[in-house]
Protein backbone atom coordinates (compact mmCIF):
# COMPACT_ATOMS: atom_id res chain seq x y z
CA MET A 1 15.14 -22.77 -3.74
CA ILE A 2 14.35 -20.94 -6.97
CA TYR A 3 10.76 -19.89 -7.43
CA VAL A 4 9.78 -19.26 -10.97
CA LYS A 5 6.29 -18.16 -11.96
CA THR A 6 5.24 -20.83 -14.51
CA ASN A 7 1.45 -20.78 -14.29
CA LYS A 8 -0.79 -18.94 -16.69
CA LEU A 9 -0.65 -15.26 -16.29
CA PRO A 10 -3.71 -13.49 -14.83
CA VAL A 11 -6.01 -12.06 -17.41
CA LEU A 12 -5.50 -8.71 -15.85
CA LEU A 13 -1.84 -8.42 -16.49
CA VAL A 14 -2.17 -9.85 -19.99
CA LEU A 15 -4.70 -7.22 -20.89
CA LEU A 16 -2.80 -4.52 -19.21
CA GLY A 17 0.08 -5.40 -21.43
CA ILE A 18 -2.07 -4.55 -24.43
CA LEU A 19 -3.75 -1.58 -23.04
CA ILE A 20 -1.56 0.35 -20.68
CA SER A 21 0.00 2.51 -23.39
CA GLY A 22 -3.40 2.86 -25.30
CA CYS A 23 -6.76 3.04 -23.54
CA SER A 24 -5.32 4.19 -20.28
CA SER A 25 -3.35 7.13 -21.72
CA GLU A 26 -6.46 8.41 -23.42
CA LEU A 27 -8.33 8.02 -20.10
CA ASN A 28 -6.04 10.68 -18.57
CA GLN A 29 -7.42 13.23 -21.01
CA PRO A 30 -10.77 14.48 -19.68
CA GLU A 31 -11.36 16.42 -22.83
CA LEU A 32 -11.66 13.07 -24.69
CA ASN A 33 -14.28 11.77 -22.26
CA ASN A 34 -17.05 11.64 -24.73
CA ASN A 35 -15.24 9.67 -27.23
CA PHE A 36 -11.76 8.78 -25.99
CA ALA A 37 -11.13 5.96 -28.39
CA GLY A 38 -11.81 7.99 -31.51
CA GLY A 39 -15.16 6.39 -32.33
CA THR A 40 -15.97 3.91 -29.69
CA ASP A 41 -19.05 1.73 -30.30
CA PHE A 42 -20.74 1.70 -26.91
CA SER A 43 -23.10 -0.97 -28.15
CA LYS A 44 -20.20 -3.47 -27.86
CA THR A 45 -20.84 -4.29 -24.15
CA ASP A 46 -17.84 -6.78 -24.15
CA ASP A 47 -15.44 -3.79 -24.61
CA MET A 48 -16.70 -2.10 -21.41
CA ILE A 49 -14.04 -3.85 -19.35
CA PHE A 50 -11.30 -2.07 -21.08
CA SER A 51 -12.21 1.22 -19.30
CA LEU A 52 -11.76 -0.59 -16.04
CA ILE A 53 -8.47 -2.42 -16.95
CA GLY A 54 -7.02 1.04 -17.93
CA LEU A 55 -7.85 2.20 -14.45
CA TYR A 56 -6.21 -0.69 -12.77
CA GLY A 57 -3.08 0.12 -14.88
CA GLU A 58 -3.10 3.74 -13.80
CA VAL A 59 -3.38 2.73 -10.05
CA SER A 60 -0.37 0.43 -10.33
CA TYR A 61 2.01 2.10 -12.61
CA GLY A 62 3.09 5.25 -10.80
CA ASN A 63 6.32 7.04 -10.15
CA TRP A 64 8.64 5.33 -7.61
CA GLU A 65 8.46 8.34 -5.20
CA ARG A 66 4.86 8.26 -4.47
CA PRO A 67 4.86 5.34 -2.00
CA LEU A 68 8.08 6.69 -0.35
CA VAL A 69 6.35 10.03 0.30
CA ILE A 70 3.42 8.06 1.95
CA SER A 71 5.70 5.62 3.86
CA THR A 72 8.76 7.45 5.09
CA ARG A 73 7.31 9.02 8.26
CA GLY A 74 6.99 7.03 11.45
CA ASP A 75 9.39 5.27 13.91
CA ASP A 76 9.57 2.10 11.77
CA VAL A 77 11.41 3.52 8.90
CA ASN A 78 14.02 6.44 7.94
CA ALA A 79 14.40 8.09 4.63
CA ALA A 80 17.99 7.80 3.50
CA GLY A 81 20.07 8.44 0.47
CA ASP A 82 20.42 11.75 -1.48
CA GLN A 83 16.78 12.85 -1.57
CA GLN A 84 16.95 15.66 0.81
CA GLY A 85 13.22 16.66 0.54
CA LEU A 86 12.35 13.01 1.54
CA LYS A 87 14.82 13.13 4.39
CA ASN A 88 13.57 16.47 5.67
CA GLN A 89 9.93 15.14 5.52
CA ASP A 90 10.98 12.07 7.46
CA ARG A 91 12.15 14.48 10.22
CA TYR A 92 8.93 16.44 10.01
CA VAL A 93 10.52 19.36 8.25
CA TYR A 94 8.07 19.81 5.31
CA ASP A 95 9.50 21.49 2.14
CA ASN A 96 6.90 22.93 -0.19
CA SER A 97 9.33 22.60 -3.11
CA PHE A 98 9.94 18.87 -2.63
CA PHE A 99 9.20 17.20 -6.10
CA GLY A 100 8.03 13.98 -4.45
CA SER A 101 5.08 15.75 -2.73
CA ARG A 102 4.18 17.33 -5.99
CA THR A 103 4.19 14.12 -8.04
CA LEU A 104 2.19 12.20 -5.36
CA TRP A 105 -0.52 14.87 -5.47
CA GLU A 106 -0.48 15.36 -9.36
CA GLY A 107 -0.18 11.49 -9.93
CA TYR A 108 -2.95 10.40 -7.52
CA TYR A 109 -5.36 13.17 -8.78
CA GLY A 110 -4.67 12.15 -12.39
CA THR A 111 -5.60 8.65 -11.58
CA ILE A 112 -8.74 9.76 -9.61
CA ILE A 113 -9.73 11.77 -12.65
CA THR A 114 -9.11 8.54 -14.73
CA ALA A 115 -11.41 6.75 -12.39
CA HIS A 116 -14.23 9.19 -12.96
CA THR A 117 -13.55 9.02 -16.82
CA ALA A 118 -13.79 5.28 -16.72
CA MET A 119 -17.02 5.36 -14.66
CA GLU A 120 -18.43 7.83 -17.21
CA GLN A 121 -17.48 5.62 -20.09
CA ILE A 122 -18.85 2.48 -18.57
CA GLN A 123 -22.17 4.26 -17.95
CA ARG A 124 -22.39 5.01 -21.75
CA TYR A 125 -21.98 1.23 -22.38
CA MET A 126 -24.67 0.55 -19.77
CA ASP A 127 -27.11 2.95 -21.57
CA LEU A 128 -26.99 0.52 -24.56
CA ALA A 129 -26.68 -2.77 -22.73
CA ASP A 130 -29.06 -5.49 -21.75
CA ALA A 131 -29.89 -6.33 -18.15
CA ASP A 132 -26.75 -8.55 -17.84
CA GLY A 133 -24.61 -5.77 -19.32
CA VAL A 134 -26.12 -3.23 -16.87
CA ALA A 135 -25.32 -5.48 -13.86
CA LEU A 136 -21.80 -5.90 -15.10
CA GLY A 137 -21.41 -2.22 -15.55
CA GLU A 138 -22.65 -1.60 -12.08
CA GLN A 139 -19.91 -3.95 -10.78
CA TYR A 140 -17.15 -2.13 -12.76
CA ILE A 141 -18.31 1.23 -11.49
CA ALA A 142 -18.23 -0.06 -7.99
CA GLU A 143 -14.73 -1.34 -8.58
CA ALA A 144 -13.72 2.09 -9.86
CA LYS A 145 -15.14 3.59 -6.66
CA VAL A 146 -12.95 1.47 -4.57
CA LEU A 147 -9.77 2.17 -6.45
CA ARG A 148 -10.52 5.86 -6.32
CA SER A 149 -11.09 5.67 -2.66
CA ILE A 150 -7.84 3.83 -1.90
CA LEU A 151 -6.01 6.79 -3.46
CA LEU A 152 -8.19 9.51 -1.73
CA LEU A 153 -7.59 7.80 1.68
CA GLN A 154 -3.86 7.84 1.32
CA LEU A 155 -3.87 11.41 0.03
CA SER A 156 -5.85 12.64 3.03
CA GLN A 157 -3.66 10.69 5.39
CA VAL A 158 -0.68 12.64 3.93
CA TYR A 159 -2.23 16.05 3.30
CA GLY A 160 -5.31 16.23 5.50
CA ALA A 161 -7.76 18.43 3.64
CA VAL A 162 -7.94 17.41 0.05
CA PHE A 163 -10.40 17.79 -2.95
CA ILE A 164 -12.98 15.30 -3.63
CA PRO A 165 -13.59 15.23 -7.47
CA GLU A 166 -17.20 14.16 -8.36
CA SER A 167 -16.59 13.91 -12.19
CA SER A 168 -13.88 14.04 -14.76
CA ASN A 169 -14.56 17.69 -15.51
CA LEU A 170 -11.76 19.77 -14.36
CA ASN A 171 -13.82 22.81 -14.68
CA ASP A 172 -15.41 21.86 -11.39
CA PHE A 173 -12.24 23.11 -9.69
CA ALA A 174 -12.10 26.47 -11.46
CA ASN A 175 -13.66 28.32 -8.56
CA VAL A 176 -13.46 26.09 -5.49
CA THR A 177 -14.28 27.89 -2.26
CA SER A 178 -13.48 25.14 0.20
CA VAL A 179 -11.54 22.00 0.75
CA PRO A 180 -12.92 19.02 2.49
CA ASN A 181 -11.11 18.19 5.72
CA LYS A 182 -9.83 14.87 6.70
CA ASP A 183 -12.82 13.82 8.57
CA GLU A 184 -15.03 14.84 5.71
CA VAL A 185 -12.90 12.86 3.24
CA MET A 186 -12.99 9.75 5.37
CA GLN A 187 -16.67 9.93 5.68
CA HIS A 188 -17.17 10.35 2.04
CA ILE A 189 -14.90 7.20 1.50
CA SER A 190 -17.02 5.21 4.06
CA ASP A 191 -20.13 6.33 2.21
CA GLN A 192 -18.67 5.39 -1.23
CA MET A 193 -17.97 1.88 0.06
CA ASP A 194 -21.57 1.60 1.19
CA GLU A 195 -22.64 2.49 -2.43
CA ALA A 196 -20.21 0.04 -3.89
CA ILE A 197 -20.37 -3.00 -1.84
CA PRO A 198 -23.92 -4.28 -3.01
CA PHE A 199 -22.50 -4.47 -6.61
CA LEU A 200 -19.16 -6.12 -5.90
CA LEU A 201 -18.21 -9.79 -6.22
CA ASP A 202 -18.64 -11.72 -2.89
CA MET A 203 -15.29 -13.66 -3.09
CA ARG A 204 -11.56 -13.21 -2.40
CA PRO A 205 -9.63 -11.17 -5.00
CA ASN A 206 -7.62 -14.32 -5.98
CA GLU A 207 -10.91 -16.21 -6.71
CA ARG A 208 -11.87 -13.90 -9.50
CA THR A 209 -11.54 -15.53 -12.91
CA ASP A 210 -12.17 -12.33 -14.97
CA LEU A 211 -9.67 -10.03 -13.29
CA LYS A 212 -7.71 -12.23 -11.02
CA GLY A 213 -6.64 -10.19 -7.96
CA GLY A 214 -9.09 -7.39 -8.67
CA VAL A 215 -11.26 -5.60 -6.13
CA THR A 216 -14.16 -7.36 -4.52
CA LYS A 217 -16.63 -6.76 -1.79
CA TYR A 218 -14.16 -7.51 0.84
CA THR A 219 -11.64 -4.98 -0.47
CA ALA A 220 -14.25 -2.42 -0.11
CA LEU A 221 -15.11 -3.55 3.47
CA HIS A 222 -11.31 -3.17 4.36
CA ILE A 223 -11.29 0.38 2.97
CA LYS A 224 -14.41 1.25 4.85
CA ALA A 225 -12.92 -0.08 8.12
CA LEU A 226 -9.78 2.02 7.42
CA ALA A 227 -11.69 5.13 6.89
CA ASN A 228 -13.72 4.69 9.98
CA GLN A 229 -10.63 3.84 12.01
CA GLU A 230 -9.24 7.29 10.93
CA LEU A 231 -12.57 8.83 12.16
CA LYS A 232 -12.28 6.85 15.40
CA ASN A 233 -15.73 5.25 14.70
CA TYR A 234 -14.66 1.96 16.21
CA GLN A 235 -18.04 0.34 16.00
CA ALA A 236 -18.01 0.72 12.21
CA VAL A 237 -14.50 -0.61 12.04
CA ALA A 238 -15.55 -3.66 14.01
CA ASP A 239 -18.64 -4.20 11.84
CA ALA A 240 -16.78 -3.90 8.53
CA ALA A 241 -13.76 -5.99 9.69
CA GLY A 242 -16.09 -8.47 11.42
CA GLU A 243 -17.98 -9.11 8.11
CA ILE A 244 -14.68 -9.96 6.43
CA ILE A 245 -13.68 -12.24 9.32
CA SER A 246 -17.07 -13.94 9.32
CA SER A 247 -17.09 -14.69 5.61
CA GLY A 248 -14.49 -17.35 6.36
CA LYS A 249 -12.90 -16.60 3.04
CA PHE A 250 -9.64 -15.21 4.23
CA SER A 251 -6.60 -16.82 6.00
CA LEU A 252 -3.10 -15.73 6.82
CA PHE A 253 -0.50 -16.97 4.44
CA PRO A 254 1.47 -19.52 6.51
CA ASP A 255 4.99 -18.29 5.76
CA PHE A 256 5.32 -14.73 6.69
CA TYR A 257 8.79 -14.44 5.03
CA GLU A 258 7.48 -15.77 1.71
CA LEU A 259 4.31 -13.67 1.81
CA PHE A 260 6.29 -10.67 0.43
CA LYS A 261 8.00 -12.71 -2.24
CA SER A 262 7.00 -14.79 -5.22
CA PRO A 263 4.93 -17.59 -3.28
CA GLY A 264 2.85 -14.87 -1.65
CA LYS A 265 1.42 -13.48 -4.89
CA LEU A 266 -2.26 -13.38 -4.93
CA SER A 267 -2.56 -15.37 -1.59
CA ASP A 268 -5.62 -15.82 0.41
CA GLU A 269 -4.43 -13.20 2.67
CA ASN A 270 -4.19 -10.41 0.20
CA LEU A 271 -7.17 -7.96 -0.08
CA PHE A 272 -5.41 -5.61 -2.62
CA GLU A 273 -2.07 -5.78 -4.37
CA MET A 274 -0.57 -4.09 -7.29
CA GLN A 275 0.33 -6.75 -9.85
CA PHE A 276 3.52 -6.92 -11.84
CA SER A 277 4.93 -9.46 -14.13
CA ASP A 278 7.83 -10.35 -16.43
CA PHE A 279 5.43 -12.62 -18.29
CA GLY A 280 7.43 -15.71 -17.45
CA VAL A 281 10.31 -14.83 -19.79
CA GLY A 282 13.78 -13.43 -19.26
CA GLU A 283 13.52 -10.61 -21.86
CA GLY A 284 11.15 -8.41 -23.63
CA ASP A 285 8.01 -6.71 -22.32
CA ARG A 286 7.52 -6.47 -18.53
CA LYS A 287 5.13 -4.64 -16.21
CA SER A 288 6.93 -3.52 -13.10
CA HIS A 289 7.31 -1.35 -10.22
CA LEU A 290 10.77 0.32 -9.53
CA TYR A 291 11.87 -1.34 -6.29
CA ALA A 292 15.46 0.12 -6.53
CA PRO A 293 14.79 2.87 -3.93
CA TYR A 294 14.07 0.16 -1.20
CA GLY A 295 17.06 -1.88 -2.06
CA PRO A 296 20.57 -1.95 -0.69
CA GLN A 297 23.05 0.39 -2.30
CA GLY A 298 25.59 -2.43 -2.49
CA TRP A 299 25.14 -6.14 -2.34
CA THR A 300 26.64 -9.31 -3.52
CA PRO A 301 23.76 -11.36 -4.81
CA LEU A 302 23.58 -15.06 -4.94
CA VAL A 303 22.62 -14.85 -8.67
CA ALA A 304 25.44 -12.89 -10.28
CA GLY A 305 24.35 -9.73 -12.11
CA ALA A 306 21.15 -9.17 -10.11
CA GLY A 307 20.87 -5.44 -9.66
CA GLY A 308 20.95 -3.70 -6.36
CA GLY A 309 19.11 -0.62 -5.10
CA TRP A 310 19.53 3.04 -4.23
CA GLY A 311 19.35 2.94 -0.39
CA PHE A 312 16.50 5.53 0.02
CA PHE A 313 14.45 3.46 2.65
CA GLU A 314 15.91 2.16 5.86
CA PRO A 315 14.19 0.28 8.80
CA SER A 316 14.90 2.24 11.98
CA MET A 317 17.10 1.04 14.76
CA LYS A 318 14.06 1.61 17.09
CA TYR A 319 12.13 -0.87 15.24
CA VAL A 320 15.03 -3.47 15.09
CA ASP A 321 15.56 -3.04 18.87
CA PHE A 322 11.82 -3.41 19.68
CA MET A 323 11.60 -6.60 17.67
CA LEU A 324 14.75 -8.05 19.23
CA ASP A 325 13.48 -7.35 22.74
CA ARG A 326 10.15 -9.03 21.85
CA GLY A 327 11.97 -12.15 20.34
CA ASP A 328 9.88 -11.56 17.26
CA ASN A 329 12.25 -13.37 15.13
CA ILE A 330 10.18 -14.38 12.05
CA ARG A 331 8.81 -10.89 11.25
CA LEU A 332 12.20 -9.27 12.08
CA GLU A 333 14.02 -11.42 9.55
CA THR A 334 11.24 -10.80 7.06
CA SER A 335 11.17 -7.02 7.56
CA VAL A 336 14.85 -6.11 7.92
CA LEU A 337 17.95 -6.89 5.82
CA PHE A 338 21.20 -6.25 7.79
CA THR A 339 24.70 -5.09 6.95
CA ASP A 340 27.71 -5.69 9.12
CA ARG A 341 27.86 -2.11 9.99
CA GLY A 342 24.22 -2.27 11.10
CA ILE A 343 24.95 -5.37 13.18
CA ASP A 344 27.85 -3.35 14.82
CA SER A 345 25.47 -0.52 15.43
CA ILE A 346 22.97 -2.77 17.21
CA ILE A 347 25.69 -4.10 19.45
CA ASN A 348 27.04 -0.58 20.15
CA SER A 349 23.66 1.22 20.77
CA THR A 350 21.39 -1.37 22.34
CA ASN A 351 21.46 -3.93 25.10
CA HIS A 352 21.89 -6.79 22.59
CA THR A 353 25.40 -8.40 22.26
CA ALA A 354 27.07 -10.47 19.60
CA GLY A 355 26.45 -13.58 21.68
CA THR A 356 22.75 -12.91 22.14
CA LEU A 357 21.77 -11.82 18.58
CA PRO A 358 19.74 -14.52 16.68
CA ALA A 359 21.72 -16.36 13.87
CA PHE A 360 19.63 -14.64 11.22
CA VAL A 361 20.91 -11.25 12.13
CA SER A 362 23.54 -11.60 9.45
CA SER A 363 24.65 -9.62 6.42
CA THR A 364 23.71 -12.67 4.30
CA THR A 365 19.98 -13.55 3.98
CA ARG A 366 18.72 -16.95 4.12
CA ASP A 367 18.55 -16.99 0.36
CA GLY A 368 22.25 -16.16 0.01
CA ASP A 369 22.18 -12.61 -0.93
CA MET A 370 24.89 -10.60 0.99
CA LEU A 371 24.36 -6.96 1.83
CA ASN A 372 27.60 -4.90 1.77
CA ASN A 373 28.27 -1.88 3.90
CA SER A 374 27.18 1.42 2.32
CA SER A 375 27.33 4.98 3.30
CA ARG A 376 23.54 5.50 2.98
CA THR A 377 21.92 2.85 5.16
CA ILE A 378 22.79 0.14 7.69
CA PHE A 379 19.50 -1.71 7.05
CA SER A 380 17.25 -2.31 4.20
CA SER A 381 13.61 -3.33 3.87
CA GLY A 382 12.97 -7.05 3.61
CA LYS A 383 9.31 -6.49 2.65
CA HIS A 384 10.48 -4.93 -0.44
CA TYR A 385 13.17 -7.48 -1.31
CA LEU A 386 12.82 -10.20 -3.78
CA PRO A 387 15.72 -12.75 -3.34
CA SER A 388 17.93 -12.86 -6.48
CA ASN A 389 17.14 -16.57 -6.65
CA GLN A 390 13.47 -15.79 -7.31
CA LEU A 391 14.17 -13.54 -10.26
CA ILE A 392 13.23 -15.06 -13.61
CA SER A 393 16.42 -15.97 -15.37
CA GLY A 394 17.50 -13.12 -17.64
CA ARG A 395 15.89 -10.42 -15.42
CA THR A 396 18.19 -8.38 -13.35
CA ASP A 397 16.35 -5.37 -11.99
CA TYR A 398 15.99 -5.27 -8.20
CA GLY A 399 12.51 -6.87 -7.34
CA SER A 400 11.60 -7.54 -10.90
CA ASN A 401 8.18 -9.53 -11.01
CA LYS A 402 7.42 -8.78 -7.53
CA HIS A 403 3.94 -7.66 -6.48
CA TYR A 404 3.33 -4.80 -4.19
CA ILE A 405 0.90 -5.71 -1.31
CA VAL A 406 -1.24 -2.76 -0.25
CA HIS A 407 -3.83 -4.27 2.10
CA ARG A 408 -4.08 -7.68 3.71
CA TYR A 409 -6.04 -9.73 6.11
CA ALA A 410 -3.53 -9.40 8.96
CA GLU A 411 -4.38 -5.73 9.01
CA THR A 412 -8.07 -6.52 9.09
CA LEU A 413 -7.57 -8.75 12.15
CA LEU A 414 -5.59 -6.15 13.92
CA MET A 415 -7.94 -3.37 13.17
CA TYR A 416 -10.86 -5.45 14.37
CA ALA A 417 -9.00 -6.32 17.62
CA GLU A 418 -8.20 -2.63 18.20
CA ALA A 419 -11.92 -1.67 17.59
CA LEU A 420 -12.97 -4.08 20.33
CA VAL A 421 -10.51 -2.90 22.82
CA GLN A 422 -11.55 0.63 22.06
CA GLY A 423 -15.07 -0.20 23.07
CA ALA A 424 -16.83 -1.66 20.07
CA SER A 425 -18.58 -5.07 19.92
CA ASN A 426 -18.83 -7.90 17.43
CA THR A 427 -19.20 -11.67 17.56
CA ALA A 428 -16.99 -12.60 14.54
CA MET A 429 -14.18 -13.44 17.14
CA THR A 430 -12.65 -12.06 20.30
CA ALA A 431 -9.86 -9.54 20.24
CA ASP A 432 -7.66 -12.19 21.82
CA GLN A 433 -8.46 -14.52 18.91
CA ALA A 434 -7.75 -11.95 16.27
CA VAL A 435 -4.43 -10.92 17.74
CA ASN A 436 -3.41 -14.55 18.42
CA LEU A 437 -3.97 -15.46 14.89
CA VAL A 438 -1.30 -13.00 13.81
CA ARG A 439 1.06 -13.95 16.72
CA THR A 440 0.80 -17.60 16.01
CA ARG A 441 2.09 -17.18 12.49
CA ALA A 442 4.87 -15.11 13.92
CA GLY A 443 5.84 -17.95 16.27
CA LEU A 444 4.85 -16.03 19.41
CA PRO A 445 2.89 -17.40 22.40
CA PRO A 446 -0.80 -16.29 22.70
CA LEU A 447 -2.00 -13.50 24.83
CA THR A 448 -4.99 -13.29 27.21
CA GLY A 449 -7.01 -10.24 27.90
CA VAL A 450 -5.28 -8.10 25.20
CA THR A 451 -4.91 -4.29 25.93
CA LEU A 452 -4.73 -1.38 23.56
CA ASP A 453 -1.03 -1.07 24.11
CA GLN A 454 -0.65 -4.79 23.20
CA VAL A 455 -2.55 -4.49 19.94
CA VAL A 456 -0.65 -1.40 18.98
CA ASP A 457 2.51 -3.23 19.46
CA GLU A 458 1.27 -6.08 17.33
CA LYS A 459 0.52 -3.69 14.55
CA TYR A 460 3.87 -2.18 14.88
CA ALA A 461 5.47 -5.63 14.58
CA GLU A 462 3.19 -6.85 11.74
CA LEU A 463 2.75 -3.76 9.55
CA ALA A 464 6.08 -1.93 9.71
CA MET A 465 7.36 -0.51 6.36
CA GLU A 466 3.91 -0.90 4.86
CA TRP A 467 2.51 2.35 3.39
CA GLY A 468 2.96 4.54 6.56
CA LYS A 469 0.60 2.58 8.62
CA ARG A 470 2.51 2.86 11.81
CA PHE A 471 2.79 6.71 11.41
CA PHE A 472 -0.92 7.08 10.83
CA ASP A 473 -1.71 4.91 13.83
CA MET A 474 0.49 7.00 16.06
CA VAL A 475 -1.09 10.25 14.79
CA ARG A 476 -4.54 8.93 15.18
CA LEU A 477 -3.75 7.72 18.71
CA GLU A 478 -1.99 11.00 19.59
CA ARG A 479 1.12 9.02 20.60
CA ASN A 480 3.52 11.90 19.79
CA ASP A 481 6.35 10.54 21.97
CA GLU A 482 6.68 7.31 19.88
CA LEU A 483 7.29 9.60 16.76
CA SER A 484 9.93 11.63 18.51
CA TYR A 485 12.87 9.33 18.21
CA GLU A 486 16.40 9.39 16.97
CA GLY A 487 16.71 13.11 17.14
CA ARG A 488 13.18 13.91 15.77
CA THR A 489 10.56 15.89 17.60
CA PHE A 490 6.84 15.23 16.48
CA THR A 491 4.05 17.56 17.50
CA ALA A 492 0.44 17.36 16.38
CA ASP A 493 0.89 20.20 13.91
CA LYS A 494 3.24 17.93 11.94
CA ALA A 495 0.66 15.34 11.09
CA PHE A 496 0.18 16.55 7.47
CA VAL A 497 2.75 17.19 4.77
CA THR A 498 2.80 20.72 3.31
CA TYR A 499 1.14 21.34 0.05
CA HIS A 500 3.59 21.83 -2.86
CA GLN A 501 3.88 25.41 -4.09
CA ASP A 502 2.72 24.44 -7.44
CA GLN A 503 -0.58 23.25 -5.98
CA ILE A 504 -0.94 26.42 -3.93
CA ASP A 505 -0.29 28.55 -7.00
CA GLU A 506 -2.97 26.62 -8.88
CA PHE A 507 -5.39 26.56 -5.96
CA PRO A 508 -4.64 29.46 -3.71
CA ILE A 509 -7.17 28.21 -1.13
CA LEU A 510 -4.67 25.54 -0.24
CA GLY A 511 -2.42 28.23 1.13
CA GLU A 512 -5.17 29.30 3.48
CA ILE A 513 -5.70 25.95 5.10
CA SER A 514 -4.42 25.11 8.60
CA ASN A 515 -4.97 21.28 9.02
């Protein structure tokens, strides 16, 4: 079936199409903070939203390598292709000259400074606004705090100790004498969410009519839960995740396969997603993420002319074997695309045979796209795949028009379940109920008396290939043996990526840190 987005585009994307090359570019220049628009009239309260829209744009439209630097460690995925720095990192050999590490740091901090610039601009509008305008400004500043915290959380998961900017003034970093460690960063994020939550909208992101899909109270609660999970403060995790669950506002998208494709855009499951669009037309302006790194190097798409990928991101054989052993067919079909060479490798390296493999383990997807054998990968990520028959006619770039899901309710449920089995308490639901909601969608039988190992396995099955979440779980739980696979050896001192030499040259204190 061909899925074409025909409904009215979200306000956020329409406005981003106007602003992304204007307002947000100026937001990146702290020296223009006091008047970045060249004569802004701060008495025009209705214009206050443009500062926030510019920030949403900066968060979404980053370089292709940033999510791969975050995502390509862990036993769910392998780095592949010709990016040696990425491949080294995947094997826990950290190169302080790898350009991807530099652009992740620089890009994220550029956007964090943008967040502070936006908050400062909004405050200037609030200074001249009436009571309603002040209330709206407080909401917008709270949203900016959440967006900033999403980036800080990922930065600290990757690097450990990182700076915490408090304003857009770069002079604050001229003579830094210390760098907050990971625990301090996570506590800061948790505190920031406590500050933001009272001012945020009490609704799902997809219920918003002003900026559809934008941050709400529940996005902030999810980020608070994640930060406290990193701190192993499991009661705080249960409390924050339990509040999301008890709201009754969220539900799992019924079709796991389509969740990551066009039908899953802005679903009731999504707590935060980066939004992209072809604006419903086959040519002209578009707002897009470059999905080519995740795609197969060679394929024969059902829709002729649909572009392929680069083969930089490969689901691991360990993950495939784990899912086959579980009979976890719905999530495996969704998460992994197979080549004939990959299928042969399964037969040759695992206990599975050609006669026992499920029918969907095929080089042709259910949507009719065929993966060809390539020298780079034997599998590709299904979660970053948009079937060629879901492309808008006239668009050919791999994954064009596809949203990028960052946080979703299934993760909330599994964080909550883990917190309970780690000793926390909450009455939103039981750990069994939380896990079984996720398992039921996956077509698996319910569990009774779930253990930590079972919750961890469920997270592996559910969240693989998503933003390094499996790797960060294994580091937190000190399960080094899980990360020592397919020739890799992981030790605790490999938890954090090395700072790029450019960052050490700019901030020598980084060279003195031992995470």
